Amino acid sequence: MKTALISVYDKEGIVEFALELDKLGWNILSTGGTSRILRDAGIDVVDVSEVTKFPEIMDGRVKTLHPNIHGGLLCRRDDKEHMKTLGDLNIAPIDMVINNLYPFEETLNKEGISHEEIIENIDIGGPSMIRAAAKNYRDVTVVMDPADYSKVLEELRAEGDTSIELRQSLAIKVFQYTAYYDSLISGYFNELEAVDFPDSIVFPFREKQELRYGENPHQKAAVYRESGNLKGTILGARQLHGKALSFNNINDGNGTLEILKEFEEPTVVAVKHANPCGIGSGEDLLEAYDKAYESDKVSIFGGIIGANREVDIEVARRIDDIFIEIIMAPSFTEEALKILTSKKNIRILEIPDIMKDDYTSYDIKKVLGGILVQERNTQLLGEDLQVVTRRKPTEAEMDDLLFAWKAVKGVKSNGVLLAKDRGTIGIGMGEVSRVWAVESAIARAGERVKGSVLASDGFFPFKDSVEALAKAGVTAIIQPGGSLRDEESIDEADRHDMTMIFTGIRHFKH
């Protein structure tokens, strides 16, 4: 007679599974609440304490941590010495473990939860059992996911035992999950102790879905979600219309949200290939959309739009005039949805908490041989804005300069951005020379450049950028400052009666 040890927190389907094992002639060991449920279902259950000859103690903290349990799990059936030891010590082999762990993740994500309750939901005996069974998968079946009950029963009915292939796949699942489980615990303690960069670090992510492909069709891809609340994120969005999101959709959509979260006033952000092509703020969303669209009427085609106010029928009509891959907003009126859903290929994402931005997660970049880890760039300005030119900015210029500074934060470096009336008119991005980025922004702005302001994500290493801007008719500049040649740029700005502000903070985005 084979033996199964059943001790589960999540009791979904366990009675039905145990009943089938009982019918197939399995001996059932169990603990605590699980054994009571199984007995109530009419299953003959042996308590683990009868096997260990030791009672459960410390409110159930210690019950399966015993040689009579772990010897039965870890014994190799093809090893004569192992089997002799079992016989000498009167330990019975255990052929299957059905166990799932205390809900540490769910507990951690509850609001107002105490430290004591979080600690009590760190499972000790469960991980020890399933890891032992998984290590000895050649002889022992380990089942931690109720979704796998049917697979196990199917093989037991057909063959009388589980296959080595199934046992190995179930073992892999255990080690993947216990690694995830432990990473949640270590992350909690790192946060508790305010340890930003520990000696070793593991990030807990779970697969949300496989994607059709990655950045290019020949690359396989999947998206993984962080533990915790996904409010205000693209992975937490409710998709109202359109086909599944692609790798590039998710990446560009996230970039759109990162920019949008900088603005409190009604704002629309349009992104194409991970860079903004238009950003506009206004008294209402329609005005904001028009400014974002007018920034670059060509590049917005096939792009992604993010809005931080409800999309109504008027905005929907504007969007319907062009092809857009994705529209994201906190909500949509019924009339707006009727218009937008008339196009088959547009993805419509509802993100009610679109402005939520209190995340403390890391920014991670993969490199060959390792990862780069940094804090998210959540700071907008330095301690003090410093007007370094003779002329001070006008109220209108200051309004546009602050708008432009928020907007340029989301542009790939070297990044510069021209703005007028709280709307972008020309963006220079991803250049290896800052003056080339300036020239590109001026060219994109065309005649609109006169009277505009410019934000630069990094300092000007030479005065050539200021010369080009003055010649084009730009009146004000906001930049980090900090170049050895700052005085040359300041003098050039003074020569043209421009105003220049140093922020004391840069926003490189590579």
Protein backbone atom coordinates (compact mmCIF):
# COMPACT_ATOMS: atom_id res chain seq x y z
CA MET A 1 0.00 0.00 0.00
CA LYS A 2 1.38 3.41 -1.01
CA THR A 3 1.23 6.37 1.35
CA ALA A 4 0.28 9.99 0.69
CA LEU A 5 0.83 12.78 3.19
CA ILE A 6 -1.80 15.50 2.84
CA SER A 7 -1.44 18.83 4.64
CA VAL A 8 -2.80 21.84 2.78
CA TYR A 9 -3.68 25.44 3.56
CA ASP A 10 -5.66 25.88 0.34
CA LYS A 11 -8.25 23.14 0.60
CA GLU A 12 -9.76 23.63 -2.85
CA GLY A 13 -10.51 20.19 -4.33
CA ILE A 14 -8.60 18.31 -1.64
CA VAL A 15 -11.53 16.21 -0.42
CA GLU A 16 -12.31 15.02 -3.95
CA PHE A 17 -8.64 14.27 -4.60
CA ALA A 18 -8.23 12.36 -1.34
CA LEU A 19 -11.40 10.36 -1.98
CA GLU A 20 -9.97 9.21 -5.29
CA LEU A 21 -6.66 8.25 -3.65
CA ASP A 22 -8.63 6.32 -1.04
CA LYS A 23 -10.51 4.44 -3.77
CA LEU A 24 -7.18 3.59 -5.40
CA GLY A 25 -5.99 2.02 -2.16
CA TRP A 26 -3.64 4.71 -0.88
CA ASN A 27 -2.89 5.10 2.81
CA ILE A 28 -3.53 8.74 3.88
CA LEU A 29 -1.48 10.63 6.48
CA SER A 30 -2.60 14.10 7.48
CA THR A 31 -2.34 16.92 9.99
CA GLY A 32 -4.55 19.38 11.86
CA GLY A 33 -7.42 20.98 9.98
CA THR A 34 -6.82 18.92 6.85
CA SER A 35 -7.24 15.63 8.71
CA ARG A 36 -10.53 16.83 10.24
CA ILE A 37 -11.95 17.73 6.84
CA LEU A 38 -10.90 14.42 5.34
CA ARG A 39 -12.37 12.44 8.23
CA ASP A 40 -15.64 14.35 7.92
CA ALA A 41 -15.70 13.19 4.29
CA GLY A 42 -15.47 9.57 5.44
CA ILE A 43 -11.81 8.99 4.62
CA ASP A 44 -9.74 6.82 6.93
CA VAL A 45 -6.87 9.12 7.98
CA VAL A 46 -3.76 8.44 10.05
CA ASP A 47 -2.54 11.46 12.03
CA VAL A 48 1.08 12.43 11.44
CA SER A 49 1.56 12.42 15.21
CA GLU A 50 0.95 8.64 15.16
CA VAL A 51 3.86 8.29 12.74
CA THR A 52 6.21 10.67 14.59
CA LYS A 53 5.11 9.46 18.04
CA PHE A 54 5.20 13.14 18.93
CA PRO A 55 2.33 15.62 19.24
CA GLU A 56 1.94 18.81 17.25
CA ILE A 57 3.44 21.59 19.39
CA MET A 58 3.74 25.36 19.52
CA ASP A 59 0.35 26.02 17.88
CA GLY A 60 1.22 23.75 14.96
CA ARG A 61 4.61 25.35 14.27
CA VAL A 62 6.19 21.90 14.68
CA LYS A 63 4.39 18.83 13.39
CA THR A 64 6.10 17.32 10.32
CA LEU A 65 9.71 18.28 11.10
CA HIS A 66 10.70 14.78 12.17
CA PRO A 67 12.96 11.96 10.88
CA ASN A 68 9.98 9.62 10.57
CA ILE A 69 8.54 12.03 8.00
CA HIS A 70 11.64 13.26 6.22
CA GLY A 71 13.29 9.83 6.27
CA GLY A 72 10.21 8.46 4.52
CA LEU A 73 10.40 11.25 1.92
CA LEU A 74 14.13 11.31 1.23
CA CYS A 75 14.83 7.59 1.17
CA ARG A 76 16.05 6.40 -2.24
CA ARG A 77 14.22 3.21 -3.06
CA ASP A 78 17.10 1.95 -5.21
CA ASP A 79 19.64 2.37 -2.41
CA LYS A 80 19.93 -0.76 -0.24
CA GLU A 81 21.50 1.12 2.66
CA HIS A 82 18.68 3.70 2.63
CA MET A 83 16.08 0.96 2.66
CA LYS A 84 17.90 -0.94 5.40
CA THR A 85 17.98 2.20 7.52
CA LEU A 86 14.23 2.62 7.09
CA GLY A 87 13.68 -0.96 8.18
CA ASP A 88 16.03 -0.70 11.16
CA LEU A 89 14.31 2.47 12.38
CA ASN A 90 10.80 1.30 11.52
CA ILE A 91 10.20 4.24 9.19
CA ALA A 92 7.63 3.81 6.42
CA PRO A 93 8.26 5.31 2.95
CA ILE A 94 6.04 8.23 1.91
CA ASP A 95 5.24 8.13 -1.80
CA MET A 96 3.32 11.35 -2.30
CA VAL A 97 3.12 14.75 -0.61
CA ILE A 98 0.17 17.05 -1.21
CA ASN A 99 0.96 20.36 0.39
CA ASN A 100 0.58 24.07 -0.28
CA LEU A 101 2.02 26.80 1.84
CA TYR A 102 0.76 29.42 4.25
CA PRO A 103 -0.43 32.45 2.26
CA PHE A 104 2.54 34.71 2.93
CA GLU A 105 2.03 36.76 -0.24
CA GLU A 106 -1.67 37.33 0.39
CA THR A 107 -0.96 38.27 4.01
CA LEU A 108 1.83 40.65 3.00
CA ASN A 109 -0.49 42.49 0.62
CA LYS A 110 -3.30 43.02 3.13
CA GLU A 111 -3.77 46.57 4.35
CA GLY A 112 -3.11 47.25 8.02
CA ILE A 113 -1.55 43.85 8.63
CA SER A 114 0.71 43.51 11.67
CA HIS A 115 4.33 42.37 11.64
CA GLU A 116 3.40 39.49 13.95
CA GLU A 117 0.75 38.16 11.56
CA ILE A 118 3.15 38.42 8.62
CA ILE A 119 5.76 36.40 10.53
CA GLU A 120 3.23 33.73 11.49
CA ASN A 121 2.48 33.21 7.80
CA ILE A 122 6.06 32.22 7.00
CA ASP A 123 5.70 28.50 6.37
CA ILE A 124 8.53 26.29 7.64
CA GLY A 125 7.33 22.69 7.64
CA GLY A 126 5.59 22.95 4.28
CA PRO A 127 8.61 24.12 2.25
CA SER A 128 10.77 21.52 4.02
CA MET A 129 8.39 18.71 3.03
CA ILE A 130 7.82 19.70 -0.57
CA ARG A 131 11.52 20.42 -1.15
CA ALA A 132 12.40 17.01 0.28
CA ALA A 133 9.83 15.33 -1.94
CA ALA A 134 10.95 17.34 -4.96
CA LYS A 135 14.59 16.41 -4.36
CA ASN A 136 13.57 12.75 -4.32
CA TYR A 137 11.24 13.08 -7.33
CA ARG A 138 12.48 9.78 -8.80
CA ASP A 139 10.52 8.02 -6.05
CA VAL A 140 8.11 10.60 -4.65
CA THR A 141 5.30 12.61 -6.23
CA VAL A 142 4.88 16.15 -4.90
CA VAL A 143 1.69 18.11 -5.57
CA MET A 144 1.42 21.72 -4.44
CA ASP A 145 -1.06 23.12 -6.98
CA PRO A 146 -4.72 22.02 -6.98
CA ALA A 147 -4.65 22.46 -10.76
CA ASP A 148 -2.38 19.38 -10.92
CA TYR A 149 -4.70 17.01 -9.05
CA SER A 150 -6.41 15.82 -12.24
CA LYS A 151 -3.08 15.07 -13.99
CA VAL A 152 -1.91 12.95 -11.08
CA LEU A 153 -5.16 11.01 -10.83
CA GLU A 154 -5.24 10.41 -14.57
CA GLU A 155 -1.85 8.68 -14.48
CA LEU A 156 -2.63 6.76 -11.29
CA ARG A 157 -5.81 5.36 -12.83
CA ALA A 158 -4.12 4.48 -16.10
CA GLU A 159 -0.74 3.16 -14.89
CA GLY A 160 -1.06 2.63 -11.15
CA ASP A 161 1.67 5.22 -10.56
CA THR A 162 2.83 8.58 -11.78
CA SER A 163 5.41 8.78 -14.56
CA ILE A 164 8.95 10.01 -13.97
CA GLU A 165 8.22 12.82 -16.44
CA LEU A 166 5.27 14.07 -14.40
CA ARG A 167 7.14 13.74 -11.11
CA GLN A 168 10.04 15.76 -12.50
CA SER A 169 7.79 18.53 -13.83
CA LEU A 170 6.00 18.73 -10.47
CA ALA A 171 9.36 18.92 -8.68
CA ILE A 172 10.50 21.77 -10.91
CA LYS A 173 7.29 23.59 -10.05
CA VAL A 174 8.08 23.22 -6.34
CA PHE A 175 11.57 24.69 -6.59
CA GLN A 176 10.32 27.56 -8.72
CA TYR A 177 7.63 28.38 -6.20
CA THR A 178 9.74 28.01 -3.04
CA ALA A 179 12.36 30.31 -4.58
CA TYR A 180 9.58 32.84 -5.26
CA TYR A 181 8.16 32.36 -1.76
CA ASP A 182 11.55 32.91 -0.11
CA SER A 183 12.22 35.98 -2.26
CA LEU A 184 9.02 37.54 -0.90
CA ILE A 185 10.20 36.90 2.64
CA SER A 186 13.71 38.27 2.06
CA GLY A 187 12.21 41.29 0.30
CA TYR A 188 9.96 41.95 3.28
CA PHE A 189 12.88 41.86 5.70
CA ASN A 190 15.02 44.04 3.43
CA GLU A 191 12.24 46.62 3.43
CA LEU A 192 11.78 46.27 7.19
CA GLU A 193 15.47 47.04 7.74
CA ALA A 194 15.60 49.65 4.93
CA VAL A 195 18.27 47.65 3.12
CA ASP A 196 18.28 49.03 -0.43
CA PHE A 197 21.06 46.91 -1.92
CA PRO A 198 21.67 43.66 0.00
CA ASP A 199 24.65 41.36 -0.65
CA SER A 200 22.41 39.07 -2.68
CA ILE A 201 19.03 39.92 -4.11
CA VAL A 202 16.14 37.98 -5.60
CA PHE A 203 13.15 39.70 -7.19
CA PRO A 204 9.76 37.97 -6.90
CA PHE A 205 7.90 37.88 -10.20
CA ARG A 206 5.18 35.53 -11.42
CA GLU A 207 4.27 34.92 -15.02
CA LYS A 208 1.23 36.88 -16.07
CA GLN A 209 1.11 35.59 -19.63
CA GLU A 210 3.18 34.38 -22.54
CA LEU A 211 3.43 36.87 -25.39
CA ARG A 212 3.27 36.17 -29.09
CA TYR A 213 6.87 37.32 -29.43
CA GLY A 214 9.35 39.86 -28.06
CA GLU A 215 10.67 43.06 -29.60
CA ASN A 216 10.99 41.13 -32.88
CA PRO A 217 9.07 38.10 -34.19
CA HIS A 218 12.05 35.74 -33.83
CA GLN A 219 12.31 36.40 -30.05
CA LYS A 220 10.24 34.43 -27.53
CA ALA A 221 8.76 36.48 -24.69
CA ALA A 222 6.55 36.52 -21.61
CA VAL A 223 5.49 39.16 -19.12
CA TYR A 224 5.91 38.66 -15.37
CA ARG A 225 4.13 40.64 -12.70
CA GLU A 226 5.44 41.84 -9.36
CA SER A 227 3.91 40.77 -6.10
CA GLY A 228 1.57 43.36 -4.67
CA ASN A 229 -0.95 45.87 -5.87
CA LEU A 230 -0.93 46.61 -9.61
CA LYS A 231 -3.22 49.64 -9.45
CA GLY A 232 -2.16 52.37 -11.83
CA THR A 233 -0.04 50.05 -14.00
CA ILE A 234 -0.47 48.63 -17.47
CA LEU A 235 -0.33 45.10 -16.02
CA GLY A 236 -3.21 46.00 -13.72
CA ALA A 237 -5.31 47.53 -16.48
CA ARG A 238 -8.72 46.25 -17.49
CA GLN A 239 -8.75 45.69 -21.24
CA LEU A 240 -12.10 46.73 -22.66
CA HIS A 241 -11.43 46.07 -26.34
CA GLY A 242 -8.88 44.77 -28.82
CA LYS A 243 -6.45 41.89 -29.14
CA ALA A 244 -3.84 40.90 -26.58
CA LEU A 245 -1.02 43.30 -25.81
CA SER A 246 2.39 42.61 -27.34
CA PHE A 247 5.85 42.98 -25.79
CA ASN A 248 6.31 46.39 -27.43
CA ASN A 249 2.79 47.48 -26.47
CA ILE A 250 3.51 46.79 -22.80
CA ASN A 251 6.93 48.44 -22.89
CA ASP A 252 5.71 51.56 -24.70
CA GLY A 253 2.53 51.67 -22.65
CA ASN A 254 4.55 51.64 -19.45
CA GLY A 255 6.69 54.50 -20.78
CA THR A 256 3.52 56.44 -21.54
CA LEU A 257 2.27 55.98 -17.97
CA GLU A 258 5.63 56.98 -16.47
CA ILE A 259 5.40 60.34 -18.26
CA LEU A 260 1.68 60.82 -17.61
CA LYS A 261 2.12 60.40 -13.86
CA GLU A 262 4.24 63.59 -13.75
CA PHE A 263 1.21 65.78 -14.61
CA GLU A 264 -1.69 66.69 -12.35
CA GLU A 265 -3.57 68.90 -14.84
CA PRO A 266 -5.56 67.34 -17.74
CA THR A 267 -2.83 65.83 -19.91
CA VAL A 268 -2.43 63.57 -22.94
CA VAL A 269 0.81 61.74 -23.74
CA ALA A 270 1.46 60.14 -27.12
CA VAL A 271 4.34 57.66 -27.41
CA LYS A 272 5.93 55.93 -30.39
CA HIS A 273 8.82 53.45 -30.17
CA ALA A 274 9.44 54.16 -26.46
CA ASN A 275 9.74 57.94 -26.95
CA PRO A 276 7.08 60.64 -26.60
CA CYS A 277 6.05 62.26 -29.86
CA GLY A 278 3.51 64.59 -28.28
CA ILE A 279 2.57 65.80 -24.80
CA GLY A 280 -0.10 68.35 -24.06
CA SER A 281 -1.77 69.84 -20.99
CA GLY A 282 -4.87 72.01 -21.03
CA GLU A 283 -7.95 73.19 -19.22
CA ASP A 284 -9.69 70.01 -20.32
CA LEU A 285 -8.72 66.75 -22.02
CA LEU A 286 -9.81 67.86 -25.48
CA GLU A 287 -7.43 70.83 -25.38
CA ALA A 288 -4.67 68.56 -24.06
CA TYR A 289 -5.26 66.03 -26.85
CA ASP A 290 -5.16 68.67 -29.55
CA LYS A 291 -1.79 69.94 -28.27
CA ALA A 292 -0.33 66.42 -28.15
CA TYR A 293 -1.60 65.69 -31.67
CA GLU A 294 -0.34 68.97 -33.12
CA SER A 295 3.13 68.28 -31.73
CA ASP A 296 3.74 65.60 -34.37
CA LYS A 297 0.79 64.67 -36.56
CA VAL A 298 2.81 62.06 -38.43
CA SER A 299 4.53 60.10 -35.66
CA ILE A 300 1.40 59.75 -33.53
CA PHE A 301 -0.01 57.43 -36.21
CA GLY A 302 0.17 53.87 -34.83
CA GLY A 303 1.29 55.13 -31.44
CA ILE A 304 0.02 54.85 -27.88
CA ILE A 305 -2.07 57.50 -26.13
CA GLY A 306 -2.38 57.95 -22.38
CA ALA A 307 -4.87 60.34 -20.78
CA ASN A 308 -5.26 61.21 -17.11
CA ARG A 309 -8.94 62.18 -17.32
CA GLU A 310 -12.06 60.37 -18.55
CA VAL A 311 -12.23 60.10 -22.33
CA ASP A 312 -15.50 61.58 -23.56
CA ILE A 313 -17.20 61.59 -26.94
CA GLU A 314 -15.34 64.66 -28.25
CA VAL A 315 -11.90 63.23 -27.48
CA ALA A 316 -12.97 59.85 -28.86
CA ARG A 317 -13.99 61.48 -32.15
CA ARG A 318 -10.53 63.06 -32.45
CA ILE A 319 -8.79 59.75 -31.74
CA ASP A 320 -11.06 57.98 -34.23
CA ASP A 321 -9.67 60.16 -37.02
CA ILE A 322 -6.31 58.38 -36.91
CA PHE A 323 -4.96 54.88 -36.29
CA ILE A 324 -3.89 54.35 -32.67
CA GLU A 325 -2.59 51.10 -31.20
CA ILE A 326 -3.66 51.73 -27.59
CA ILE A 327 -5.63 54.29 -25.64
CA MET A 328 -5.26 54.26 -21.84
CA ALA A 329 -7.38 56.33 -19.48
CA PRO A 330 -8.95 56.14 -16.02
CA SER A 331 -12.40 55.76 -17.61
CA PHE A 332 -14.40 56.13 -20.80
CA THR A 333 -17.94 57.40 -21.31
CA GLU A 334 -20.38 55.02 -22.92
CA GLU A 335 -20.56 57.24 -26.02
CA ALA A 336 -16.76 57.34 -26.29
CA LEU A 337 -16.53 53.54 -26.11
CA LYS A 338 -19.14 53.20 -28.84
CA ILE A 339 -16.95 55.27 -31.16
CA LEU A 340 -13.61 53.72 -30.19
CA THR A 341 -14.76 50.09 -30.33
CA SER A 342 -15.91 50.53 -33.91
CA LYS A 343 -12.26 49.92 -34.85
CA LYS A 344 -11.26 46.28 -34.45
CA ASN A 345 -7.55 46.72 -33.81
CA ILE A 346 -7.44 49.47 -31.19
CA ARG A 347 -6.70 48.28 -27.63
CA ILE A 348 -8.66 50.13 -24.97
CA LEU A 349 -7.26 49.97 -21.44
CA GLU A 350 -9.12 51.26 -18.39
CA ILE A 351 -6.78 52.15 -15.50
CA PRO A 352 -8.89 53.75 -12.75
CA ASP A 353 -5.90 54.67 -10.57
CA ILE A 354 -3.82 55.88 -13.48
CA MET A 355 -2.15 58.61 -11.40
CA LYS A 356 -1.06 56.28 -8.57
CA ASP A 357 2.72 56.60 -8.28
CA ASP A 358 3.80 55.49 -4.81
CA TYR A 359 5.72 52.45 -6.01
CA THR A 360 9.00 51.67 -4.28
CA SER A 361 10.16 49.01 -6.70
CA TYR A 362 13.56 49.00 -8.34
CA ASP A 363 14.43 49.94 -11.88
CA ILE A 364 16.25 46.94 -13.37
CA LYS A 365 18.27 46.67 -16.56
CA LYS A 366 19.69 43.37 -17.78
CA VAL A 367 23.27 43.32 -19.00
CA LEU A 368 25.36 40.38 -20.14
CA GLY A 369 26.52 38.61 -17.00
CA GLY A 370 24.34 40.51 -14.54
CA ILE A 371 21.82 43.23 -13.84
CA LEU A 372 21.95 46.92 -13.07
CA VAL A 373 19.68 47.89 -10.19
CA GLN A 374 18.70 51.41 -9.16
CA GLU A 375 15.93 53.30 -7.44
CA ARG A 376 13.11 54.55 -9.64
CA ASN A 377 13.61 58.14 -10.76
CA THR A 378 10.82 59.74 -8.78
CA GLN A 379 12.41 63.13 -8.04
CA LEU A 380 11.56 65.91 -10.47
CA LEU A 381 13.52 68.95 -9.27
CA GLY A 382 16.54 69.69 -7.08
CA GLU A 383 16.28 71.60 -3.84
CA ASP A 384 16.25 75.03 -5.51
CA LEU A 385 15.63 76.36 -9.00
CA GLN A 386 18.36 78.85 -9.84
CA VAL A 387 17.87 81.59 -12.43
CA VAL A 388 21.44 82.07 -13.69
CA THR A 389 20.88 84.75 -16.35
CA ARG A 390 20.25 88.46 -15.99
CA ARG A 391 16.70 88.20 -17.27
CA LYS A 392 14.17 86.37 -15.11
CA PRO A 393 11.49 84.21 -16.76
CA THR A 394 8.04 85.65 -17.32
CA GLU A 395 5.08 83.91 -15.68
CA ALA A 396 4.15 82.32 -19.02
CA GLU A 397 7.72 81.18 -19.65
CA MET A 398 7.96 79.69 -16.17
CA ASP A 399 4.74 77.77 -16.72
CA ASP A 400 6.09 76.32 -19.96
CA LEU A 401 9.54 75.64 -18.51
CA LEU A 402 8.08 73.52 -15.70
CA PHE A 403 5.84 71.71 -18.19
CA ALA A 404 8.82 71.05 -20.45
CA TRP A 405 10.93 69.79 -17.55
CA LYS A 406 8.28 67.23 -16.59
CA ALA A 407 7.99 66.16 -20.22
CA VAL A 408 11.72 65.85 -21.01
CA LYS A 409 12.15 63.43 -18.09
CA GLY A 410 10.56 60.74 -20.27
CA VAL A 411 12.71 61.35 -23.36
CA LYS A 412 15.62 59.06 -24.21
CA SER A 413 19.02 60.75 -23.72
CA ASN A 414 20.47 62.88 -25.09
CA GLY A 415 17.02 64.41 -24.84
CA VAL A 416 15.74 67.94 -25.35
CA LEU A 417 12.21 69.20 -25.71
CA LEU A 418 10.67 72.42 -27.04
CA ALA A 419 7.35 73.54 -25.60
CA LYS A 420 4.90 76.39 -25.99
CA ASP A 421 1.59 76.98 -24.20
CA ARG A 422 1.97 73.69 -22.26
CA GLY A 423 2.34 71.60 -25.38
CA THR A 424 5.38 70.00 -26.99
CA ILE A 425 6.31 71.33 -30.42
CA GLY A 426 9.61 69.58 -31.10
CA ILE A 427 11.50 66.74 -29.42
CA GLY A 428 15.12 65.76 -29.96
CA MET A 429 15.84 62.30 -28.60
CA GLY A 430 18.45 59.56 -28.44
CA GLU A 431 21.22 61.59 -30.02
CA VAL A 432 24.92 61.10 -29.26
CA SER A 433 25.47 64.87 -29.33
CA ARG A 434 23.34 67.36 -27.41
CA VAL A 435 23.57 69.99 -30.13
CA TRP A 436 22.30 67.41 -32.63
CA ALA A 437 19.33 66.78 -30.33
CA VAL A 438 18.73 70.56 -30.21
CA GLU A 439 18.93 70.87 -33.99
CA SER A 440 16.55 67.95 -34.40
CA ALA A 441 13.99 69.51 -32.03
CA ILE A 442 14.22 72.85 -33.83
CA ALA A 443 13.73 71.17 -37.21
CA ARG A 444 10.65 69.30 -35.94
CA ALA A 445 9.16 72.47 -34.47
CA GLY A 446 9.47 74.46 -37.69
CA GLU A 447 7.96 77.96 -37.54
CA ARG A 448 6.42 77.21 -34.14
CA VAL A 449 9.84 77.41 -32.51
CA LYS A 450 9.77 81.20 -32.16
CA GLY A 451 8.85 82.17 -28.59
CA SER A 452 9.12 78.61 -27.27
CA VAL A 453 11.12 77.26 -24.33
CA LEU A 454 13.50 74.32 -24.15
CA ALA A 455 14.21 71.68 -21.51
CA SER A 456 17.36 69.57 -21.63
CA ASP A 457 17.75 66.35 -19.62
CA GLY A 458 21.50 67.02 -19.19
CA PHE A 459 23.75 70.05 -19.11
CA PHE A 460 25.14 71.83 -22.19
CA PRO A 461 28.83 70.94 -22.54
CA PHE A 462 29.35 73.86 -24.95
CA LYS A 463 27.57 77.09 -25.81
CA ASP A 464 26.74 75.85 -29.35
CA SER A 465 23.29 74.60 -28.27
CA VAL A 466 22.42 78.01 -26.79
CA GLU A 467 23.58 79.71 -29.99
CA ALA A 468 21.34 77.47 -32.11
CA LEU A 469 18.35 78.03 -29.82
CA ALA A 470 18.79 81.80 -29.79
CA LYS A 471 19.04 81.89 -33.56
CA ALA A 472 15.81 79.87 -33.82
CA GLY A 473 13.91 82.26 -31.51
CA VAL A 474 13.75 80.21 -28.29
CA THR A 475 13.45 82.56 -25.31
CA ALA A 476 14.02 80.38 -22.24
CA ILE A 477 15.97 77.26 -21.23
CA ILE A 478 15.76 74.89 -18.27
CA GLN A 479 18.66 72.49 -17.72
CA PRO A 480 20.52 70.77 -14.86
CA GLY A 481 23.69 72.88 -14.98
CA GLY A 482 27.00 71.50 -13.79
CA SER A 483 29.19 71.79 -16.90
CA LEU A 484 32.71 73.14 -16.66
CA ARG A 485 31.61 75.60 -19.35
CA ASP A 486 28.36 76.72 -17.71
CA GLU A 487 29.53 80.33 -17.73
CA GLU A 488 29.95 80.25 -21.52
CA SER A 489 26.34 79.05 -21.93
CA ILE A 490 25.08 81.65 -19.44
CA ASP A 491 26.97 84.45 -21.20
CA GLU A 492 25.57 83.33 -24.56
CA ALA A 493 22.04 83.37 -23.15
CA ASP A 494 22.58 86.86 -21.70
CA ARG A 495 23.90 88.05 -25.05
CA HIS A 496 20.54 87.16 -26.61
CA ASP A 497 18.39 88.31 -23.64
CA MET A 498 17.33 84.71 -22.98
CA THR A 499 16.50 83.36 -19.53
CA MET A 500 18.11 80.18 -18.22
CA ILE A 501 17.26 78.11 -15.15
CA PHE A 502 19.41 75.46 -13.48
CA THR A 503 17.51 72.63 -11.76
CA GLY A 504 20.45 71.00 -10.00
CA ILE A 505 19.21 67.57 -11.08
CA ARG A 506 19.50 65.70 -14.38
CA HIS A 507 17.18 63.11 -15.93
CA PHE A 508 19.20 60.78 -18.12
CA LYS A 509 17.06 57.99 -19.58
CA HIS A 510 19.02 55.35 -21.45
